[in-house]
């Protein structure tokens, strides 16, 4: 079974909206661990989801660095 890497975009009415390679896809919120948050990096294999906290922290740092570059005067 294929492992899909995605980023949690938002939660809507029982669904998790996951960004995968620039597009979004809805998954049942029930398959995600309860601690899943917006912007978490996740790996989805069938109906199993694993949160990658290391990748999530790395992504947050990259975004923070980009924001700092944009707002520097």
Protein backbone atom coordinates (compact mmCIF):
# COMPACT_ATOMS: atom_id res chain seq x y z
CA UNK A 1 0.00 0.00 0.00
CA UNK A 2 1.31 3.45 -0.95
CA UNK A 3 2.42 5.87 1.77
CA UNK A 4 1.23 9.44 1.11
CA UNK A 5 2.96 12.46 2.65
CA UNK A 6 0.74 15.45 3.37
CA UNK A 7 0.29 18.53 5.52
CA UNK A 8 -2.87 19.17 7.53
CA UNK A 9 -4.47 22.28 6.02
CA UNK A 10 -7.61 22.45 8.18
CA UNK A 11 -10.41 20.48 9.78
CA UNK A 12 -14.01 20.73 8.50
CA UNK A 13 -17.11 18.92 9.76
CA UNK A 14 -15.59 15.53 10.47
CA UNK A 15 -12.91 15.76 7.79
CA UNK A 16 -9.23 16.60 7.75
CA UNK A 17 -8.26 18.57 4.65
CA UNK A 18 -4.76 17.46 3.71
CA UNK A 19 -2.46 19.19 1.22
CA UNK A 20 -0.66 16.66 -0.93
CA UNK A 21 1.76 17.93 -3.58
CA UNK A 22 -0.10 21.22 -4.01
CA UNK A 23 -3.64 19.86 -4.05
CA UNK A 24 -6.01 19.12 -1.18
CA UNK A 25 -7.88 15.96 -0.35
CA UNK A 26 -10.43 15.25 2.38
CA UNK A 27 -9.95 12.32 4.74
CA UNK A 28 -12.21 11.20 7.60
CA UNK A 29 -11.01 12.96 10.75
CA UNK A 30 -11.57 9.69 12.63
CA UNK A 31 -8.46 8.04 11.09
CA UNK A 32 -6.15 10.74 12.49
CA UNK A 33 -4.60 10.60 15.96
CA UNK A 34 -6.46 12.88 18.39
CA UNK A 35 -3.38 15.11 18.82
CA UNK A 36 -3.20 15.95 15.09
CA UNK A 37 -3.02 19.72 14.51
CA UNK A 38 -3.15 22.08 11.55
CA UNK A 39 0.26 22.25 9.79
CA UNK A 40 1.32 18.80 11.01
CA UNK A 41 3.21 16.70 8.47
CA UNK A 42 1.50 13.31 8.23
CA UNK A 43 2.01 10.02 6.44
CA UNK A 44 -1.17 8.28 5.35
CA UNK A 45 -1.17 4.58 4.48
CA UNK A 46 -4.67 3.34 3.79
CA UNK A 47 -6.62 4.17 6.93
CA UNK A 48 -3.53 4.55 9.13
CA UNK A 49 -2.02 7.97 9.83
CA UNK A 50 1.32 8.77 11.45
CA UNK A 51 2.32 12.29 12.50
CA UNK A 52 5.94 13.17 11.74
CA UNK A 53 6.80 15.67 14.49
CA UNK A 54 10.39 16.06 13.24
CA UNK A 55 9.21 17.05 9.75
CA UNK A 56 6.53 19.29 11.26
CA UNK A 57 9.14 21.19 13.31
CA UNK A 58 11.45 21.44 10.28
CA UNK A 59 8.62 22.84 8.12
CA UNK A 60 7.64 25.35 10.83
CA UNK A 61 11.27 26.54 11.01
CA UNK A 62 11.46 26.92 7.21
CA UNK A 63 8.24 28.97 7.21
CA UNK A 64 9.48 31.12 10.10
CA UNK A 65 12.79 31.76 8.31
CA UNK A 66 10.96 32.74 5.11
CA UNK A 67 8.65 35.09 7.01
CA UNK A 68 11.64 36.71 8.71
CA UNK A 69 13.28 37.28 5.30
CA UNK A 70 10.11 38.82 3.89
CA UNK A 71 9.61 41.19 6.83
CA UNK A 72 13.25 42.29 7.22
CA UNK A 73 13.83 45.97 6.40
